[in-house]
Amino acid sequence: MPQTMMPLDQYREYPIETMKQRAADFYADMRRRRTVRDFSDRPVPREVIEHCLLAAGTAPSGANLQPWHFVVVSDPAVKRQIRAAAEAEEREFYHNRAPEEWLEALAPLGTDEHKPFLETAPYLIVIFAQNYGLGADGRKIKHYYVSESVGIATGMLITAVHQAGLVSLTHTPSPMNFLGEILQRPPNERAFLILVVGYPAEDAKVPVIAKKSLDEFATFI
């Protein structure tokens, strides 16, 4: 069945100088974004999170099937469950599963199996990828480019959180099957990532890092 089309009436073109300035200003703002591991327990209005999720939901996706689901967790008891299960997986990772070179790469960041931010931060946004959809009649609907689509939506969510004046942390304990069980998600969904969201702690610190220069990560042909 052909897709219903409509005029592109919301596109907004800017004069070249305005375009250059907007791109430069956006880059300058995004340069301030840092992944944070020290969170405050200060509350964040749910409306802010809702608008960040709506922004993420505008992401492009394979065949426009939008194969994502976001579970927003603020309940302290559920956050405690998630922390306990995540730390169990992380202990196994750090002490038994991780290859030495991976541990060496993580060493400068000072990470270990202890994840207090999973309880401290006001919100955990657990992102699920839908391997297939389900029609009203229970029929399976194939999804395309699931990881790519969900990854783009996640990036837009991280950007929206920063734009709102909050900080975030991407957390991926492996395996993450416990998230589907705790949050009672259907079998067509797999946990993709936990995004920890809130205000930074007053004494929050971040590692000194260097980003690659444009010449190092981009080629113009």
Protein backbone atom coordinates (compact mmCIF):
# COMPACT_ATOMS: atom_id res chain seq x y z
CA MET A 1 0.00 0.00 0.00
CA PRO A 2 1.57 3.35 -1.07
CA GLN A 3 2.60 5.74 1.69
CA THR A 4 0.42 8.85 2.00
CA MET A 5 2.53 11.88 1.12
CA MET A 6 2.27 15.50 2.20
CA PRO A 7 4.07 18.74 1.35
CA LEU A 8 7.35 19.47 3.16
CA ASP A 9 5.91 22.59 4.74
CA GLN A 10 7.87 22.60 8.01
CA TYR A 11 11.33 22.83 6.49
CA ARG A 12 13.05 26.10 7.41
CA GLU A 13 15.95 27.44 5.34
CA TYR A 14 18.38 29.95 6.85
CA PRO A 15 20.64 32.49 5.16
CA ILE A 16 24.18 31.14 4.73
CA GLU A 17 25.68 33.29 7.50
CA THR A 18 22.89 32.32 9.89
CA MET A 19 23.40 28.68 8.98
CA LYS A 20 27.11 28.92 9.72
CA GLN A 21 26.47 30.60 13.06
CA ARG A 22 23.81 28.10 14.12
CA ALA A 23 26.10 25.17 13.27
CA ALA A 24 29.01 26.76 15.16
CA ASP A 25 26.83 27.60 18.17
CA PHE A 26 25.44 24.09 18.32
CA TYR A 27 28.92 22.59 18.19
CA ALA A 28 30.10 24.94 20.94
CA ASP A 29 27.20 23.88 23.14
CA MET A 30 27.67 20.17 22.46
CA ARG A 31 31.37 20.45 23.32
CA ARG A 32 30.23 21.10 26.89
CA ARG A 33 28.43 17.75 27.05
CA ARG A 34 30.15 15.24 29.28
CA THR A 35 29.27 11.77 30.44
CA VAL A 36 28.84 11.95 34.24
CA ARG A 37 29.02 9.21 36.86
CA ASP A 38 28.37 11.35 39.94
CA PHE A 39 24.70 12.27 40.12
CA SER A 40 22.59 14.37 42.45
CA ASP A 41 19.28 13.02 43.71
CA ARG A 42 17.58 16.36 42.94
CA PRO A 43 14.18 15.76 41.33
CA VAL A 44 13.62 16.56 37.65
CA PRO A 45 10.14 17.44 36.36
CA ARG A 46 8.64 14.57 34.40
CA GLU A 47 7.59 17.03 31.68
CA VAL A 48 11.26 17.62 30.84
CA ILE A 49 11.84 13.90 30.35
CA GLU A 50 8.68 13.58 28.28
CA HIS A 51 9.82 16.28 25.85
CA CYS A 52 13.28 14.71 25.58
CA LEU A 53 11.62 11.40 24.69
CA LEU A 54 9.38 13.09 22.14
CA ALA A 55 12.50 14.54 20.53
CA ALA A 56 14.09 11.06 20.44
CA GLY A 57 10.93 9.73 18.83
CA THR A 58 11.47 11.99 15.82
CA ALA A 59 14.53 9.94 14.83
CA PRO A 60 14.61 8.29 11.40
CA SER A 61 14.15 4.53 11.34
CA GLY A 62 14.15 1.63 8.91
CA ALA A 63 10.87 1.75 6.93
CA ASN A 64 9.67 4.26 9.58
CA LEU A 65 8.75 1.38 11.89
CA GLN A 66 10.25 3.12 14.95
CA PRO A 67 11.52 -0.07 16.60
CA TRP A 68 12.13 1.35 20.08
CA HIS A 69 10.50 1.50 23.47
CA PHE A 70 11.65 3.66 26.38
CA VAL A 71 10.90 2.61 29.96
CA VAL A 72 11.37 5.52 32.36
CA VAL A 73 12.15 4.32 35.88
CA SER A 74 11.92 6.66 38.88
CA ASP A 75 10.56 4.22 41.48
CA PRO A 76 13.29 3.74 44.13
CA ALA A 77 12.48 0.05 44.66
CA VAL A 78 12.75 -0.74 40.94
CA LYS A 79 15.97 1.27 40.64
CA ARG A 80 17.34 -0.75 43.56
CA GLN A 81 16.46 -3.99 41.76
CA ILE A 82 18.16 -2.80 38.59
CA ARG A 83 21.28 -1.76 40.47
CA ALA A 84 21.57 -5.12 42.26
CA ALA A 85 21.20 -7.08 39.02
CA ALA A 86 23.53 -4.77 37.07
CA GLU A 87 26.24 -4.94 39.72
CA ALA A 88 26.05 -8.73 39.74
CA GLU A 89 26.74 -8.77 35.99
CA GLU A 90 29.44 -6.13 36.34
CA ARG A 91 31.26 -8.09 39.05
CA GLU A 92 31.37 -11.09 36.76
CA PHE A 93 32.59 -8.88 33.91
CA TYR A 94 35.37 -7.12 35.80
CA HIS A 95 36.64 -10.20 37.64
CA ASN A 96 36.09 -13.04 35.15
CA ARG A 97 34.95 -12.10 31.65
CA ALA A 98 36.72 -8.91 30.56
CA PRO A 99 39.91 -9.35 28.52
CA GLU A 100 42.97 -7.62 29.96
CA GLU A 101 43.18 -5.06 27.15
CA TRP A 102 39.58 -3.97 27.82
CA LEU A 103 40.32 -3.50 31.52
CA GLU A 104 43.40 -1.47 30.59
CA ALA A 105 41.28 0.76 28.34
CA LEU A 106 38.78 1.31 31.16
CA ALA A 107 41.40 1.95 33.84
CA PRO A 108 41.84 5.71 33.14
CA LEU A 109 38.09 6.20 33.63
CA GLY A 110 38.18 4.64 37.09
CA THR A 111 35.13 2.43 36.50
CA ASP A 112 34.41 -0.75 38.46
CA GLU A 113 31.47 -2.97 39.39
CA HIS A 114 29.99 -0.43 41.81
CA LYS A 115 27.14 1.54 40.18
CA PRO A 116 25.55 3.81 42.84
CA PHE A 117 24.27 6.18 40.16
CA LEU A 118 21.62 3.59 39.26
CA GLU A 119 19.89 4.46 42.54
CA THR A 120 20.97 8.07 43.04
CA ALA A 121 19.90 9.62 39.74
CA PRO A 122 16.22 10.55 39.55
CA TYR A 123 15.65 8.72 36.26
CA LEU A 124 16.83 5.59 34.52
CA ILE A 125 15.62 5.48 30.93
CA VAL A 126 15.89 1.88 29.79
CA ILE A 127 15.91 1.72 26.00
CA PHE A 128 14.59 -1.41 24.35
CA ALA A 129 15.02 -2.42 20.72
CA GLN A 130 12.06 -4.21 19.15
CA ASN A 131 13.36 -7.04 16.97
CA TYR A 132 9.92 -7.29 15.40
CA GLY A 133 6.56 -5.62 15.83
CA LEU A 134 3.23 -7.16 16.70
CA GLY A 135 0.07 -6.37 14.78
CA ALA A 136 -3.33 -6.05 16.43
CA ASP A 137 -4.01 -9.65 15.35
CA GLY A 138 -0.75 -10.90 16.91
CA ARG A 139 0.98 -11.14 13.53
CA LYS A 140 4.75 -10.54 13.57
CA ILE A 141 5.88 -7.45 11.64
CA LYS A 142 9.51 -7.53 10.46
CA HIS A 143 11.63 -4.58 11.57
CA TYR A 144 14.58 -3.32 9.53
CA TYR A 145 17.88 -1.77 10.67
CA VAL A 146 16.85 -2.10 14.29
CA SER A 147 20.21 -1.41 15.96
CA GLU A 148 20.94 1.51 13.65
CA SER A 149 17.48 3.04 14.23
CA VAL A 150 17.57 2.65 18.00
CA GLY A 151 21.14 3.95 18.12
CA ILE A 152 20.14 7.13 16.28
CA ALA A 153 17.14 7.66 18.58
CA THR A 154 19.39 7.15 21.61
CA GLY A 155 21.85 9.74 20.33
CA MET A 156 19.03 12.22 19.85
CA LEU A 157 17.80 11.49 23.38
CA ILE A 158 21.27 12.15 24.82
CA THR A 159 21.41 15.43 22.89
CA ALA A 160 17.94 16.44 24.09
CA VAL A 161 18.89 15.72 27.70
CA HIS A 162 21.96 17.94 27.36
CA GLN A 163 19.93 20.70 25.71
CA ALA A 164 17.51 20.60 28.64
CA GLY A 165 20.38 21.31 31.07
CA LEU A 166 20.78 17.81 32.50
CA VAL A 167 23.56 15.23 32.31
CA SER A 168 23.49 11.58 31.33
CA LEU A 169 25.44 8.35 31.40
CA THR A 170 25.16 5.44 28.99
CA HIS A 171 25.34 2.18 30.90
CA THR A 172 25.44 -1.23 29.24
CA PRO A 173 25.88 -4.11 31.68
CA SER A 174 26.31 -7.33 29.75
CA PRO A 175 24.20 -9.36 29.44
CA MET A 176 21.12 -7.20 30.04
CA ASN A 177 18.39 -9.83 30.00
CA PHE A 178 17.52 -8.95 33.61
CA LEU A 179 16.08 -5.61 32.45
CA GLY A 180 13.37 -7.27 30.38
CA GLU A 181 12.47 -9.46 33.36
CA ILE A 182 12.41 -6.69 35.96
CA LEU A 183 10.48 -4.31 33.70
CA GLN A 184 8.22 -7.05 32.32
CA ARG A 185 8.85 -6.32 28.66
CA PRO A 186 7.50 -8.58 25.89
CA PRO A 187 9.70 -11.18 24.13
CA ASN A 188 10.08 -9.10 20.95
CA GLU A 189 12.13 -6.51 22.86
CA ARG A 190 15.77 -6.67 23.95
CA ALA A 191 17.46 -4.21 26.26
CA PHE A 192 19.70 -1.87 24.28
CA LEU A 193 21.03 0.56 26.88
CA ILE A 194 20.33 2.25 30.21
CA LEU A 195 20.50 6.05 30.06
CA VAL A 196 21.01 7.51 33.53
CA VAL A 197 19.61 11.07 33.66
CA GLY A 198 19.64 13.86 36.20
CA TYR A 199 21.67 16.74 37.62
CA PRO A 200 25.38 16.30 38.31
CA ALA A 201 26.45 16.05 41.95
CA GLU A 202 27.95 19.27 43.30
CA ASP A 203 31.36 17.60 43.56
CA ALA A 204 31.09 15.72 40.25
CA LYS A 205 34.35 15.17 38.41
CA VAL A 206 34.98 13.92 34.88
CA PRO A 207 38.18 12.52 33.36
CA VAL A 208 40.43 14.74 31.26
CA ILE A 209 39.97 13.50 27.71
CA ALA A 210 40.86 14.67 24.22
CA LYS A 211 38.44 14.44 21.34
CA LYS A 212 39.72 13.58 17.89
CA SER A 213 40.21 16.51 15.53
CA LEU A 214 38.03 16.81 12.44
CA ASP A 215 40.91 15.66 10.23
CA GLU A 216 41.18 12.49 12.29
CA PHE A 217 37.58 11.36 11.99
CA ALA A 218 36.25 12.93 8.78
CA THR A 219 37.20 12.74 5.12
CA PHE A 220 35.87 15.11 2.48
CA ILE A 221 35.90 13.78 -1.08
